[in-house]
PDB file of all heavy atoms in Angstrom:
ATOM      1  N   GLU A   1      33.711 119.039 -32.721  1.00  0.00           N
ATOM      2  CA  GLU A   1      33.080 119.735 -33.780  1.00  0.00           C
ATOM      3  C   GLU A   1      34.021 120.703 -34.568  1.00  0.00           C
ATOM      4  O   GLU A   1      34.982 121.172 -33.883  1.00  0.00           O
ATOM      5  CB  GLU A   1      31.991 120.650 -33.153  1.00  0.00           C
ATOM      6  CG  GLU A   1      30.821 119.962 -32.674  1.00  0.00           C
ATOM      7  CD  GLU A   1      29.822 120.923 -32.219  1.00  0.00           C
ATOM      8  OE1 GLU A   1      29.667 121.980 -32.556  1.00  0.00           O
ATOM      9  OE2 GLU A   1      28.930 120.401 -31.300  1.00  0.00           O
ATOM     10  N   ILE A   2      34.038 120.820 -35.732  1.00  0.00           N
ATOM     11  CA  ILE A   2      34.912 121.567 -36.458  1.00  0.00           C
ATOM     12  C   ILE A   2      34.466 123.091 -36.280  1.00  0.00           C
ATOM     13  O   ILE A   2      33.271 123.468 -36.386  1.00  0.00           O
ATOM     14  CB  ILE A   2      34.826 121.312 -38.050  1.00  0.00           C
ATOM     15  CG1 ILE A   2      34.878 119.790 -38.312  1.00  0.00           C
ATOM     16  CG2 ILE A   2      35.689 122.171 -38.862  1.00  0.00           C
ATOM     17  CD1 ILE A   2      36.294 119.368 -38.558  1.00  0.00           C
ATOM     18  N   HIS A   3      35.497 123.925 -36.137  1.00  0.00           N
ATOM     19  CA  HIS A   3      35.113 125.336 -36.150  1.00  0.00           C
ATOM     20  C   HIS A   3      34.517 125.843 -37.497  1.00  0.00           C
ATOM     21  O   HIS A   3      34.975 125.068 -38.539  1.00  0.00           O
ATOM     22  CB  HIS A   3      36.424 126.189 -35.876  1.00  0.00           C
ATOM     23  CG  HIS A   3      36.892 126.105 -34.449  1.00  0.00           C
ATOM     24  ND1 HIS A   3      36.049 126.683 -33.412  1.00  0.00           N
ATOM     25  CD2 HIS A   3      38.005 125.761 -33.879  1.00  0.00           C
ATOM     26  CE1 HIS A   3      36.780 126.524 -32.387  1.00  0.00           C
ATOM     27  NE2 HIS A   3      37.933 126.026 -32.576  1.00  0.00           N
ATOM     28  N   ASN A   4      33.654 126.647 -37.554  1.00  0.00           N
ATOM     29  CA  ASN A   4      33.174 127.124 -38.825  1.00  0.00           C
ATOM     30  C   ASN A   4      34.196 127.889 -39.558  1.00  0.00           C
ATOM     31  O   ASN A   4      34.530 129.030 -39.208  1.00  0.00           O
ATOM     32  CB  ASN A   4      31.959 128.028 -38.517  1.00  0.00           C
ATOM     33  CG  ASN A   4      31.202 128.304 -39.843  1.00  0.00           C
ATOM     34  OD1 ASN A   4      31.524 127.867 -40.868  1.00  0.00           O
ATOM     35  ND2 ASN A   4      30.202 129.186 -39.797  1.00  0.00           N
ATOM     36  N   ASP A   5      34.858 127.241 -40.543  1.00  0.00           N
ATOM     37  CA  ASP A   5      36.079 127.782 -41.186  1.00  0.00           C
ATOM     38  C   ASP A   5      35.940 127.314 -42.523  1.00  0.00           C
ATOM     39  O   ASP A   5      35.971 126.159 -43.044  1.00  0.00           O
ATOM     40  CB  ASP A   5      37.272 127.219 -40.470  1.00  0.00           C
ATOM     41  CG  ASP A   5      38.489 127.825 -40.980  1.00  0.00           C
ATOM     42  OD1 ASP A   5      38.483 128.405 -42.135  1.00  0.00           O
ATOM     43  OD2 ASP A   5      39.579 127.756 -40.277  1.00  0.00           O
ATOM     44  N   GLU A   6      35.976 128.333 -43.615  1.00  0.00           N
ATOM     45  CA  GLU A   6      35.845 128.076 -44.991  1.00  0.00           C
ATOM     46  C   GLU A   6      37.065 127.334 -45.567  1.00  0.00           C
ATOM     47  O   GLU A   6      36.997 126.700 -46.547  1.00  0.00           O
ATOM     48  CB  GLU A   6      35.591 129.260 -45.755  1.00  0.00           C
ATOM     49  CG  GLU A   6      36.658 130.344 -45.802  1.00  0.00           C
ATOM     50  CD  GLU A   6      36.654 131.323 -44.620  1.00  0.00           C
ATOM     51  OE1 GLU A   6      35.695 131.308 -43.878  1.00  0.00           O
ATOM     52  OE2 GLU A   6      37.652 132.091 -44.447  1.00  0.00           O
ATOM     53  N   ARG A   7      38.096 127.393 -44.807  1.00  0.00           N
ATOM     54  CA  ARG A   7      39.328 126.570 -45.222  1.00  0.00           C
ATOM     55  C   ARG A   7      39.108 125.092 -45.018  1.00  0.00           C
ATOM     56  O   ARG A   7      39.825 124.358 -45.534  1.00  0.00           O
ATOM     57  CB  ARG A   7      40.620 126.949 -44.418  1.00  0.00           C
ATOM     58  CG  ARG A   7      41.014 128.391 -44.691  1.00  0.00           C
ATOM     59  CD  ARG A   7      42.229 128.728 -43.823  1.00  0.00           C
ATOM     60  NE  ARG A   7      41.693 128.657 -42.446  1.00  0.00           N
ATOM     61  CZ  ARG A   7      42.607 128.599 -41.314  1.00  0.00           C
ATOM     62  NH1 ARG A   7      43.879 128.543 -41.540  1.00  0.00           N
ATOM     63  NH2 ARG A   7      42.142 128.573 -40.087  1.00  0.00           N
ATOM     64  N   PHE A   8      38.129 124.826 -44.195  1.00  0.00           N
ATOM     65  CA  PHE A   8      37.816 123.223 -43.939  1.00  0.00           C
ATOM     66  C   PHE A   8      36.416 123.020 -44.379  1.00  0.00           C
ATOM     67  O   PHE A   8      35.460 123.148 -43.479  1.00  0.00           O
ATOM     68  CB  PHE A   8      38.090 123.032 -42.492  1.00  0.00           C
ATOM     69  CG  PHE A   8      38.212 121.586 -42.160  1.00  0.00           C
ATOM     70  CD1 PHE A   8      39.301 120.843 -42.350  1.00  0.00           C
ATOM     71  CD2 PHE A   8      37.144 120.919 -41.608  1.00  0.00           C
ATOM     72  CE1 PHE A   8      39.407 119.484 -42.099  1.00  0.00           C
ATOM     73  CE2 PHE A   8      37.197 119.638 -41.214  1.00  0.00           C
ATOM     74  CZ  PHE A   8      38.393 118.946 -41.462  1.00  0.00           C
ATOM     75  N   PRO A   9      36.109 122.632 -45.556  1.00  0.00           N
ATOM     76  CA  PRO A   9      34.673 122.559 -46.001  1.00  0.00           C
ATOM     77  C   PRO A   9      34.025 121.330 -45.374  1.00  0.00           C
ATOM     78  O   PRO A   9      34.620 120.449 -44.839  1.00  0.00           O
ATOM     79  CB  PRO A   9      34.785 122.210 -47.502  1.00  0.00           C
ATOM     80  CG  PRO A   9      36.318 121.747 -47.696  1.00  0.00           C
ATOM     81  CD  PRO A   9      37.161 122.329 -46.732  1.00  0.00           C
ATOM     82  N   HIS A  10      32.718 121.432 -45.352  1.00  0.00           N
ATOM     83  CA  HIS A  10      31.811 120.442 -44.657  1.00  0.00           C
ATOM     84  C   HIS A  10      31.829 119.304 -45.451  1.00  0.00           C
ATOM     85  O   HIS A  10      31.715 119.365 -46.712  1.00  0.00           O
ATOM     86  CB  HIS A  10      30.511 120.978 -44.258  1.00  0.00           C
ATOM     87  CG  HIS A  10      30.618 122.038 -43.254  1.00  0.00           C
ATOM     88  ND1 HIS A  10      30.852 121.890 -41.934  1.00  0.00           N
ATOM     89  CD2 HIS A  10      30.413 123.442 -43.435  1.00  0.00           C
ATOM     90  CE1 HIS A  10      30.814 123.102 -41.424  1.00  0.00           C
ATOM     91  NE2 HIS A  10      30.594 124.067 -42.267  1.00  0.00           N
ATOM     92  N   TYR A  11      31.543 118.083 -44.836  1.00  0.00           N
ATOM     93  CA  TYR A  11      31.290 116.884 -45.609  1.00  0.00           C
ATOM     94  C   TYR A  11      30.115 116.976 -46.307  1.00  0.00           C
ATOM     95  O   TYR A  11      29.066 117.341 -45.855  1.00  0.00           O
ATOM     96  CB  TYR A  11      31.223 115.655 -44.623  1.00  0.00           C
ATOM     97  CG  TYR A  11      32.507 115.239 -44.005  1.00  0.00           C
ATOM     98  CD1 TYR A  11      32.779 115.462 -42.713  1.00  0.00           C
ATOM     99  CD2 TYR A  11      33.465 114.556 -44.794  1.00  0.00           C
ATOM    100  CE1 TYR A  11      33.936 115.089 -41.983  1.00  0.00           C
ATOM    101  CE2 TYR A  11      34.653 114.059 -44.147  1.00  0.00           C
ATOM    102  CZ  TYR A  11      34.829 114.436 -42.811  1.00  0.00           C
ATOM    103  OH  TYR A  11      36.044 114.025 -42.316  1.00  0.00           O
ATOM    104  N   ARG A  12      30.134 116.511 -47.563  1.00  0.00           N
ATOM    105  CA  ARG A  12      28.839 116.357 -48.409  1.00  0.00           C
ATOM    106  C   ARG A  12      28.179 115.061 -47.785  1.00  0.00           C
ATOM    107  O   ARG A  12      26.945 114.990 -47.581  1.00  0.00           O
ATOM    108  CB  ARG A  12      29.078 116.147 -49.774  1.00  0.00           C
ATOM    109  CG  ARG A  12      27.844 115.880 -50.628  1.00  0.00           C
ATOM    110  CD  ARG A  12      28.123 116.026 -52.162  1.00  0.00           C
ATOM    111  NE  ARG A  12      29.071 114.942 -52.502  1.00  0.00           N
ATOM    112  CZ  ARG A  12      28.780 113.749 -53.112  1.00  0.00           C
ATOM    113  NH1 ARG A  12      27.529 113.440 -53.269  1.00  0.00           N
ATOM    114  NH2 ARG A  12      29.730 113.001 -53.422  1.00  0.00           N
ATOM    115  N   LYS A  13      28.959 114.061 -47.609  1.00  0.00           N
ATOM    116  CA  LYS A  13      28.472 112.658 -47.128  1.00  0.00           C
ATOM    117  C   LYS A  13      29.517 112.217 -46.142  1.00  0.00           C
ATOM    118  O   LYS A  13      30.589 111.767 -46.539  1.00  0.00           O
ATOM    119  CB  LYS A  13      28.295 111.730 -48.344  1.00  0.00           C
ATOM    120  CG  LYS A  13      27.817 110.448 -47.859  1.00  0.00           C
ATOM    121  CD  LYS A  13      27.475 109.533 -49.190  1.00  0.00           C
ATOM    122  CE  LYS A  13      26.775 108.226 -48.702  1.00  0.00           C
ATOM    123  NZ  LYS A  13      26.662 107.370 -49.867  1.00  0.00           N
ATOM    124  N   LEU A  14      29.166 112.030 -44.840  1.00  0.00           N
ATOM    125  CA  LEU A  14      30.019 111.457 -43.944  1.00  0.00           C
ATOM    126  C   LEU A  14      29.691 109.989 -43.917  1.00  0.00           C
ATOM    127  O   LEU A  14      28.773 109.372 -43.559  1.00  0.00           O
ATOM    128  CB  LEU A  14      29.758 112.057 -42.485  1.00  0.00           C
ATOM    129  CG  LEU A  14      30.565 111.472 -41.449  1.00  0.00           C
ATOM    130  CD1 LEU A  14      31.993 111.854 -41.566  1.00  0.00           C
ATOM    131  CD2 LEU A  14      30.091 112.002 -39.959  1.00  0.00           C
ATOM    132  N   LEU A  15      30.779 109.137 -44.323  1.00  0.00           N
ATOM    133  CA  LEU A  15      30.597 107.694 -44.499  1.00  0.00           C
ATOM    134  C   LEU A  15      30.631 107.020 -43.135  1.00  0.00           C
ATOM    135  O   LEU A  15      29.978 106.184 -42.832  1.00  0.00           O
ATOM    136  CB  LEU A  15      31.643 107.183 -45.303  1.00  0.00           C
ATOM    137  CG  LEU A  15      31.584 107.755 -46.819  1.00  0.00           C
ATOM    138  CD1 LEU A  15      32.735 107.329 -47.682  1.00  0.00           C
ATOM    139  CD2 LEU A  15      30.302 107.364 -47.519  1.00  0.00           C
ATOM    140  N   PHE A  16      31.513 107.510 -42.228  1.00  0.00           N
ATOM    141  CA  PHE A  16      31.547 106.942 -40.944  1.00  0.00           C
ATOM    142  C   PHE A  16      32.461 107.964 -39.998  1.00  0.00           C
ATOM    143  O   PHE A  16      33.357 108.547 -40.519  1.00  0.00           O
ATOM    144  CB  PHE A  16      31.949 105.419 -40.915  1.00  0.00           C
ATOM    145  CG  PHE A  16      33.433 105.243 -41.070  1.00  0.00           C
ATOM    146  CD1 PHE A  16      34.279 105.228 -39.989  1.00  0.00           C
ATOM    147  CD2 PHE A  16      33.951 104.878 -42.328  1.00  0.00           C
ATOM    148  CE1 PHE A  16      35.727 105.031 -40.222  1.00  0.00           C
ATOM    149  CE2 PHE A  16      35.294 104.648 -42.611  1.00  0.00           C
ATOM    150  CZ  PHE A  16      36.096 104.634 -41.466  1.00  0.00           C
ATOM    151  N   ALA A  17      32.223 107.793 -38.701  1.00  0.00           N
ATOM    152  CA  ALA A  17      33.041 108.386 -37.747  1.00  0.00           C
ATOM    153  C   ALA A  17      33.143 107.326 -36.589  1.00  0.00           C
ATOM    154  O   ALA A  17      32.304 106.661 -36.238  1.00  0.00           O
ATOM    155  CB  ALA A  17      32.323 109.596 -37.094  1.00  0.00           C
ATOM    156  N   LEU A  18      34.472 107.197 -36.236  1.00  0.00           N
ATOM    157  CA  LEU A  18      34.797 106.105 -35.306  1.00  0.00           C
ATOM    158  C   LEU A  18      35.781 106.558 -34.287  1.00  0.00           C
ATOM    159  O   LEU A  18      36.867 107.196 -34.612  1.00  0.00           O
ATOM    160  CB  LEU A  18      35.334 105.010 -36.062  1.00  0.00           C
ATOM    161  CG  LEU A  18      35.698 103.732 -35.433  1.00  0.00           C
ATOM    162  CD1 LEU A  18      34.539 102.988 -34.831  1.00  0.00           C
ATOM    163  CD2 LEU A  18      36.436 102.732 -36.269  1.00  0.00           C
ATOM    164  N   GLU A  19      35.451 106.299 -32.980  1.00  0.00           N
ATOM    165  CA  GLU A  19      36.440 106.623 -31.925  1.00  0.00           C
ATOM    166  C   GLU A  19      37.157 105.261 -31.497  1.00  0.00           C
ATOM    167  O   GLU A  19      36.638 104.175 -31.701  1.00  0.00           O
ATOM    168  CB  GLU A  19      35.782 107.320 -30.675  1.00  0.00           C
ATOM    169  CG  GLU A  19      35.185 108.650 -31.100  1.00  0.00           C
ATOM    170  CD  GLU A  19      34.589 109.345 -29.922  1.00  0.00           C
ATOM    171  OE1 GLU A  19      34.847 109.037 -28.778  1.00  0.00           O
ATOM    172  OE2 GLU A  19      33.581 109.993 -30.142  1.00  0.00           O
ATOM    173  N   GLN A  20      38.356 105.413 -30.939  1.00  0.00           N
ATOM    174  CA  GLN A  20      39.140 104.407 -30.457  1.00  0.00           C
ATOM    175  C   GLN A  20      39.496 103.345 -31.562  1.00  0.00           C
ATOM    176  O   GLN A  20      39.544 102.201 -31.402  1.00  0.00           O
ATOM    177  CB  GLN A  20      38.335 103.598 -29.415  1.00  0.00           C
ATOM    178  CG  GLN A  20      38.460 104.090 -27.941  1.00  0.00           C
ATOM    179  CD  GLN A  20      38.004 103.164 -26.858  1.00  0.00           C
ATOM    180  OE1 GLN A  20      36.848 102.832 -26.899  1.00  0.00           O
ATOM    181  NE2 GLN A  20      38.853 102.668 -26.043  1.00  0.00           N
ATOM    182  N   ALA A  21      39.709 103.790 -32.710  1.00  0.00           N
ATOM    183  CA  ALA A  21      40.006 102.815 -33.915  1.00  0.00           C
ATOM    184  C   ALA A  21      41.512 102.637 -33.881  1.00  0.00           C
ATOM    185  O   ALA A  21      42.275 103.529 -33.709  1.00  0.00           O
ATOM    186  CB  ALA A  21      39.620 103.540 -35.178  1.00  0.00           C
ATOM    187  N   ARG A  22      41.914 101.360 -33.995  1.00  0.00           N
ATOM    188  CA  ARG A  22      43.258 101.059 -34.146  1.00  0.00           C
ATOM    189  C   ARG A  22      43.587 101.316 -35.718  1.00  0.00           C
ATOM    190  O   ARG A  22      42.727 101.081 -36.577  1.00  0.00           O
ATOM    191  CB  ARG A  22      43.532  99.557 -34.045  1.00  0.00           C
ATOM    192  CG  ARG A  22      43.282  99.277 -32.553  1.00  0.00           C
ATOM    193  CD  ARG A  22      43.538  97.794 -32.360  1.00  0.00           C
ATOM    194  NE  ARG A  22      43.282  97.577 -31.000  1.00  0.00           N
ATOM    195  CZ  ARG A  22      44.048  97.690 -29.900  1.00  0.00           C
ATOM    196  NH1 ARG A  22      45.272  98.089 -30.228  1.00  0.00           N
ATOM    197  NH2 ARG A  22      43.795  97.351 -28.701  1.00  0.00           N
ATOM    198  N   PRO A  23      44.771 101.754 -36.101  1.00  0.00           N
ATOM    199  CA  PRO A  23      45.063 102.090 -37.583  1.00  0.00           C
ATOM    200  C   PRO A  23      44.804 101.038 -38.486  1.00  0.00           C
ATOM    201  O   PRO A  23      44.204 101.295 -39.637  1.00  0.00           O
ATOM    202  CB  PRO A  23      46.590 102.606 -37.447  1.00  0.00           C
ATOM    203  CG  PRO A  23      46.817 102.961 -36.068  1.00  0.00           C
ATOM    204  CD  PRO A  23      45.849 102.194 -35.176  1.00  0.00           C
ATOM    205  N   ASP A  24      45.150  99.799 -38.253  1.00  0.00           N
ATOM    206  CA  ASP A  24      45.063  98.618 -39.140  1.00  0.00           C
ATOM    207  C   ASP A  24      43.509  98.383 -39.318  1.00  0.00           C
ATOM    208  O   ASP A  24      42.997  98.294 -40.517  1.00  0.00           O
ATOM    209  CB  ASP A  24      45.793  97.361 -38.736  1.00  0.00           C
ATOM    210  CG  ASP A  24      45.413  96.989 -37.392  1.00  0.00           C
ATOM    211  OD1 ASP A  24      44.848  97.724 -36.534  1.00  0.00           O
ATOM    212  OD2 ASP A  24      45.622  95.768 -37.121  1.00  0.00           O
ATOM    213  N   ARG A  25      42.747  98.378 -38.300  1.00  0.00           N
ATOM    214  CA  ARG A  25      41.262  98.251 -38.457  1.00  0.00           C
ATOM    215  C   ARG A  25      40.636  99.435 -39.069  1.00  0.00           C
ATOM    216  O   ARG A  25      39.620  99.219 -39.799  1.00  0.00           O
ATOM    217  CB  ARG A  25      40.632  97.896 -37.099  1.00  0.00           C
ATOM    218  CG  ARG A  25      41.210  96.626 -36.418  1.00  0.00           C
ATOM    219  CD  ARG A  25      40.646  96.549 -35.023  1.00  0.00           C
ATOM    220  NE  ARG A  25      41.299  95.354 -34.445  1.00  0.00           N
ATOM    221  CZ  ARG A  25      41.511  95.197 -33.125  1.00  0.00           C
ATOM    222  NH1 ARG A  25      40.857  95.995 -32.347  1.00  0.00           N
ATOM    223  NH2 ARG A  25      42.083  94.149 -32.604  1.00  0.00           N
ATOM    224  N   ALA A  26      41.024 100.630 -38.808  1.00  0.00           N
ATOM    225  CA  ALA A  26      40.576 101.753 -39.449  1.00  0.00           C
ATOM    226  C   ALA A  26      40.690 101.761 -40.940  1.00  0.00           C
ATOM    227  O   ALA A  26      39.807 102.189 -41.718  1.00  0.00           O
ATOM    228  CB  ALA A  26      41.064 103.081 -38.755  1.00  0.00           C
ATOM    229  N   ALA A  27      41.948 101.329 -41.395  1.00  0.00           N
ATOM    230  CA  ALA A  27      42.095 101.206 -42.775  1.00  0.00           C
ATOM    231  C   ALA A  27      41.215 100.276 -43.484  1.00  0.00           C
ATOM    232  O   ALA A  27      40.648 100.619 -44.531  1.00  0.00           O
ATOM    233  CB  ALA A  27      43.601 100.827 -43.031  1.00  0.00           C
ATOM    234  N   VAL A  28      40.932  99.169 -42.905  1.00  0.00           N
ATOM    235  CA  VAL A  28      39.954  98.254 -43.462  1.00  0.00           C
ATOM    236  C   VAL A  28      38.505  98.763 -43.471  1.00  0.00           C
ATOM    237  O   VAL A  28      37.869  98.680 -44.485  1.00  0.00           O
ATOM    238  CB  VAL A  28      39.964  96.796 -42.604  1.00  0.00           C
ATOM    239  CG1 VAL A  28      38.849  95.929 -43.105  1.00  0.00           C
ATOM    240  CG2 VAL A  28      41.364  96.164 -42.801  1.00  0.00           C
ATOM    241  N   LEU A  29      38.133  99.496 -42.390  1.00  0.00           N
ATOM    242  CA  LEU A  29      36.909 100.078 -42.397  1.00  0.00           C
ATOM    243  C   LEU A  29      36.741 101.118 -43.404  1.00  0.00           C
ATOM    244  O   LEU A  29      35.660 101.389 -44.062  1.00  0.00           O
ATOM    245  CB  LEU A  29      36.580 100.615 -41.003  1.00  0.00           C
ATOM    246  CG  LEU A  29      36.301  99.706 -39.943  1.00  0.00           C
ATOM    247  CD1 LEU A  29      36.387 100.364 -38.515  1.00  0.00           C
ATOM    248  CD2 LEU A  29      34.991  98.964 -40.136  1.00  0.00           C
ATOM    249  N   THR A  30      37.786 101.928 -43.623  1.00  0.00           N
ATOM    250  CA  THR A  30      37.832 102.871 -44.704  1.00  0.00           C
ATOM    251  C   THR A  30      37.639 102.351 -46.038  1.00  0.00           C
ATOM    252  O   THR A  30      36.725 102.797 -46.822  1.00  0.00           O
ATOM    253  CB  THR A  30      39.180 103.668 -44.599  1.00  0.00           C
ATOM    254  OG1 THR A  30      39.306 104.339 -43.353  1.00  0.00           O
ATOM    255  CG2 THR A  30      39.228 104.672 -45.644  1.00  0.00           C
ATOM    256  N   ARG A  31      38.271 101.199 -46.290  1.00  0.00           N
ATOM    257  CA  ARG A  31      38.147 100.543 -47.572  1.00  0.00           C
ATOM    258  C   ARG A  31      36.804 100.118 -47.776  1.00  0.00           C
ATOM    259  O   ARG A  31      36.198 100.319 -48.897  1.00  0.00           O
ATOM    260  CB  ARG A  31      39.049  99.300 -47.701  1.00  0.00           C
ATOM    261  CG  ARG A  31      39.061  98.548 -48.990  1.00  0.00           C
ATOM    262  CD  ARG A  31      39.914  97.269 -49.015  1.00  0.00           C
ATOM    263  NE  ARG A  31      41.017  97.337 -48.214  1.00  0.00           N
ATOM    264  CZ  ARG A  31      41.369  96.386 -47.385  1.00  0.00           C
ATOM    265  NH1 ARG A  31      40.512  95.236 -47.227  1.00  0.00           N
ATOM    266  NH2 ARG A  31      42.409  96.494 -46.494  1.00  0.00           N
ATOM    267  N   HIS A  32      36.103  99.481 -46.824  1.00  0.00           N
ATOM    268  CA  HIS A  32      34.730  99.039 -46.920  1.00  0.00           C
ATOM    269  C   HIS A  32      33.727 100.206 -47.120  1.00  0.00           C
ATOM    270  O   HIS A  32      32.801 100.131 -47.787  1.00  0.00           O
ATOM    271  CB  HIS A  32      34.336  98.205 -45.829  1.00  0.00           C
ATOM    272  CG  HIS A  32      35.020  96.808 -45.712  1.00  0.00           C
ATOM    273  ND1 HIS A  32      34.989  95.926 -46.736  1.00  0.00           N
ATOM    274  CD2 HIS A  32      35.962  96.265 -44.772  1.00  0.00           C
ATOM    275  CE1 HIS A  32      35.825  94.858 -46.498  1.00  0.00           C
ATOM    276  NE2 HIS A  32      36.266  95.127 -45.193  1.00  0.00           N
ATOM    277  N   ALA A  33      33.957 101.173 -46.314  1.00  0.00           N
ATOM    278  CA  ALA A  33      33.018 102.400 -46.578  1.00  0.00           C
ATOM    279  C   ALA A  33      33.119 103.041 -47.902  1.00  0.00           C
ATOM    280  O   ALA A  33      32.148 103.442 -48.544  1.00  0.00           O
ATOM    281  CB  ALA A  33      33.333 103.418 -45.473  1.00  0.00           C
ATOM    282  N   LEU A  34      34.370 103.048 -48.443  1.00  0.00           N
ATOM    283  CA  LEU A  34      34.603 103.699 -49.732  1.00  0.00           C
ATOM    284  C   LEU A  34      34.129 102.789 -50.948  1.00  0.00           C
ATOM    285  O   LEU A  34      33.813 103.409 -52.101  1.00  0.00           O
ATOM    286  CB  LEU A  34      36.102 104.029 -50.047  1.00  0.00           C
ATOM    287  CG  LEU A  34      36.571 105.113 -49.064  1.00  0.00           C
ATOM    288  CD1 LEU A  34      38.092 105.271 -49.282  1.00  0.00           C
ATOM    289  CD2 LEU A  34      35.890 106.432 -49.160  1.00  0.00           C
ATOM    290  N   ALA A  35      33.932 101.574 -50.692  1.00  0.00           N
ATOM    291  CA  ALA A  35      33.428 100.692 -51.728  1.00  0.00           C
ATOM    292  C   ALA A  35      32.061 101.136 -52.284  1.00  0.00           C
ATOM    293  O   ALA A  35      31.874 101.046 -53.467  1.00  0.00           O
ATOM    294  CB  ALA A  35      33.295  99.233 -51.155  1.00  0.00           C
ATOM    295  N   GLU A  36      31.249 101.667 -51.364  1.00  0.00           N
ATOM    296  CA  GLU A  36      29.909 102.101 -51.965  1.00  0.00           C
ATOM    297  C   GLU A  36      29.955 103.352 -52.813  1.00  0.00           C
ATOM    298  O   GLU A  36      29.019 103.582 -53.568  1.00  0.00           O
ATOM    299  CB  GLU A  36      29.023 102.404 -50.651  1.00  0.00           C
ATOM    300  CG  GLU A  36      29.355 103.768 -49.920  1.00  0.00           C
ATOM    301  CD  GLU A  36      28.393 104.108 -48.840  1.00  0.00           C
ATOM    302  OE1 GLU A  36      28.287 103.283 -47.953  1.00  0.00           O
ATOM    303  OE2 GLU A  36      27.627 105.154 -48.953  1.00  0.00           O
ATOM    304  N   LEU A  37      31.107 103.993 -52.784  1.00  0.00           N
ATOM    305  CA  LEU A  37      31.273 105.109 -53.763  1.00  0.00           C
ATOM    306  C   LEU A  37      31.809 104.814 -55.227  1.00  0.00           C
ATOM    307  O   LEU A  37      31.781 105.620 -55.981  1.00  0.00           O
ATOM    308  CB  LEU A  37      32.223 106.134 -53.202  1.00  0.00           C
ATOM    309  CG  LEU A  37      31.884 106.784 -51.857  1.00  0.00           C
ATOM    310  CD1 LEU A  37      32.967 107.695 -51.414  1.00  0.00           C
ATOM    311  CD2 LEU A  37      30.562 107.511 -51.990  1.00  0.00           C
ATOM    312  N   ASN A  38      32.130 103.449 -55.358  1.00  0.00           N
ATOM    313  CA  ASN A  38      32.691 102.980 -56.605  1.00  0.00           C
ATOM    314  C   ASN A  38      33.853 103.867 -57.148  1.00  0.00           C
ATOM    315  O   ASN A  38      33.842 104.210 -58.260  1.00  0.00           O
ATOM    316  CB  ASN A  38      31.525 102.927 -57.726  1.00  0.00           C
ATOM    317  CG  ASN A  38      30.411 101.884 -57.327  1.00  0.00           C
ATOM    318  OD1 ASN A  38      30.814 100.789 -56.905  1.00  0.00           O
ATOM    319  ND2 ASN A  38      29.281 102.302 -57.415  1.00  0.00           N
ATOM    320  N   LEU A  39      34.812 104.147 -56.296  1.00  0.00           N
ATOM    321  CA  LEU A  39      35.974 104.939 -56.646  1.00  0.00           C
ATOM    322  C   LEU A  39      37.020 104.061 -57.382  1.00  0.00           C
ATOM    323  O   LEU A  39      36.995 102.784 -57.238  1.00  0.00           O
ATOM    324  CB  LEU A  39      36.550 105.434 -55.280  1.00  0.00           C
ATOM    325  CG  LEU A  39      35.694 106.378 -54.502  1.00  0.00           C
ATOM    326  CD1 LEU A  39      36.405 106.639 -53.213  1.00  0.00           C
ATOM    327  CD2 LEU A  39      35.543 107.675 -55.276  1.00  0.00           C
ATOM    328  N   PRO A  40      37.813 104.756 -58.167  1.00  0.00           N
ATOM    329  CA  PRO A  40      38.959 103.910 -58.637  1.00  0.00           C
ATOM    330  C   PRO A  40      39.773 103.368 -57.562  1.00  0.00           C
ATOM    331  O   PRO A  40      39.913 103.877 -56.378  1.00  0.00           O
ATOM    332  CB  PRO A  40      39.768 105.064 -59.384  1.00  0.00           C
ATOM    333  CG  PRO A  40      38.800 106.223 -59.667  1.00  0.00           C
ATOM    334  CD  PRO A  40      37.764 106.097 -58.531  1.00  0.00           C
ATOM    335  N   TYR A  41      40.328 102.205 -57.750  1.00  0.00           N
ATOM    336  CA  TYR A  41      41.072 101.442 -56.858  1.00  0.00           C
ATOM    337  C   TYR A  41      42.228 102.290 -56.227  1.00  0.00           C
ATOM    338  O   TYR A  41      42.410 102.269 -55.019  1.00  0.00           O
ATOM    339  CB  TYR A  41      41.767 100.254 -57.500  1.00  0.00           C
ATOM    340  CG  TYR A  41      42.660  99.448 -56.550  1.00  0.00           C
ATOM    341  CD1 TYR A  41      42.193  98.587 -55.500  1.00  0.00           C
ATOM    342  CD2 TYR A  41      44.034  99.579 -56.717  1.00  0.00           C
ATOM    343  CE1 TYR A  41      42.925  97.992 -54.662  1.00  0.00           C
ATOM    344  CE2 TYR A  41      44.812  98.903 -55.870  1.00  0.00           C
ATOM    345  CZ  TYR A  41      44.366  98.126 -54.829  1.00  0.00           C
ATOM    346  OH  TYR A  41      45.178  97.469 -53.964  1.00  0.00           O
ATOM    347  N   GLU A  42      42.893 103.036 -57.062  1.00  0.00           N
ATOM    348  CA  GLU A  42      43.927 103.936 -56.635  1.00  0.00           C
ATOM    349  C   GLU A  42      43.516 104.880 -55.560  1.00  0.00           C
ATOM    350  O   GLU A  42      44.285 105.127 -54.588  1.00  0.00           O
ATOM    351  CB  GLU A  42      44.539 104.831 -57.745  1.00  0.00           C
ATOM    352  CG  GLU A  42      46.071 104.768 -57.849  1.00  0.00           C
ATOM    353  CD  GLU A  42      46.336 105.518 -59.202  1.00  0.00           C
ATOM    354  OE1 GLU A  42      46.315 106.722 -59.211  1.00  0.00           O
ATOM    355  OE2 GLU A  42      46.834 104.794 -60.056  1.00  0.00           O
ATOM    356  N   VAL A  43      42.419 105.497 -55.739  1.00  0.00           N
ATOM    357  CA  VAL A  43      41.866 106.517 -54.765  1.00  0.00           C
ATOM    358  C   VAL A  43      41.383 105.907 -53.520  1.00  0.00           C
ATOM    359  O   VAL A  43      41.812 106.341 -52.348  1.00  0.00           O
ATOM    360  CB  VAL A  43      40.753 107.326 -55.422  1.00  0.00           C
ATOM    361  CG1 VAL A  43      40.013 108.127 -54.417  1.00  0.00           C
ATOM    362  CG2 VAL A  43      41.056 107.997 -56.713  1.00  0.00           C
ATOM    363  N   ALA A  44      40.739 104.788 -53.651  1.00  0.00           N
ATOM    364  CA  ALA A  44      40.284 104.055 -52.408  1.00  0.00           C
ATOM    365  C   ALA A  44      41.541 103.686 -51.561  1.00  0.00           C
ATOM    366  O   ALA A  44      41.696 103.681 -50.322  1.00  0.00           O
ATOM    367  CB  ALA A  44      39.473 102.893 -52.696  1.00  0.00           C
TER     368      ALA A  44
END
């Protein structure tokens, strides 16, 4: 859990949380999760 600290704002929308993720797989999951936000390609 995050300490209650104004320097670290809370998520408005938590798209996913994952434990034991390998970096390459996590990158792909991140890309898929961000697809629903319709972000510019550069940002995603």
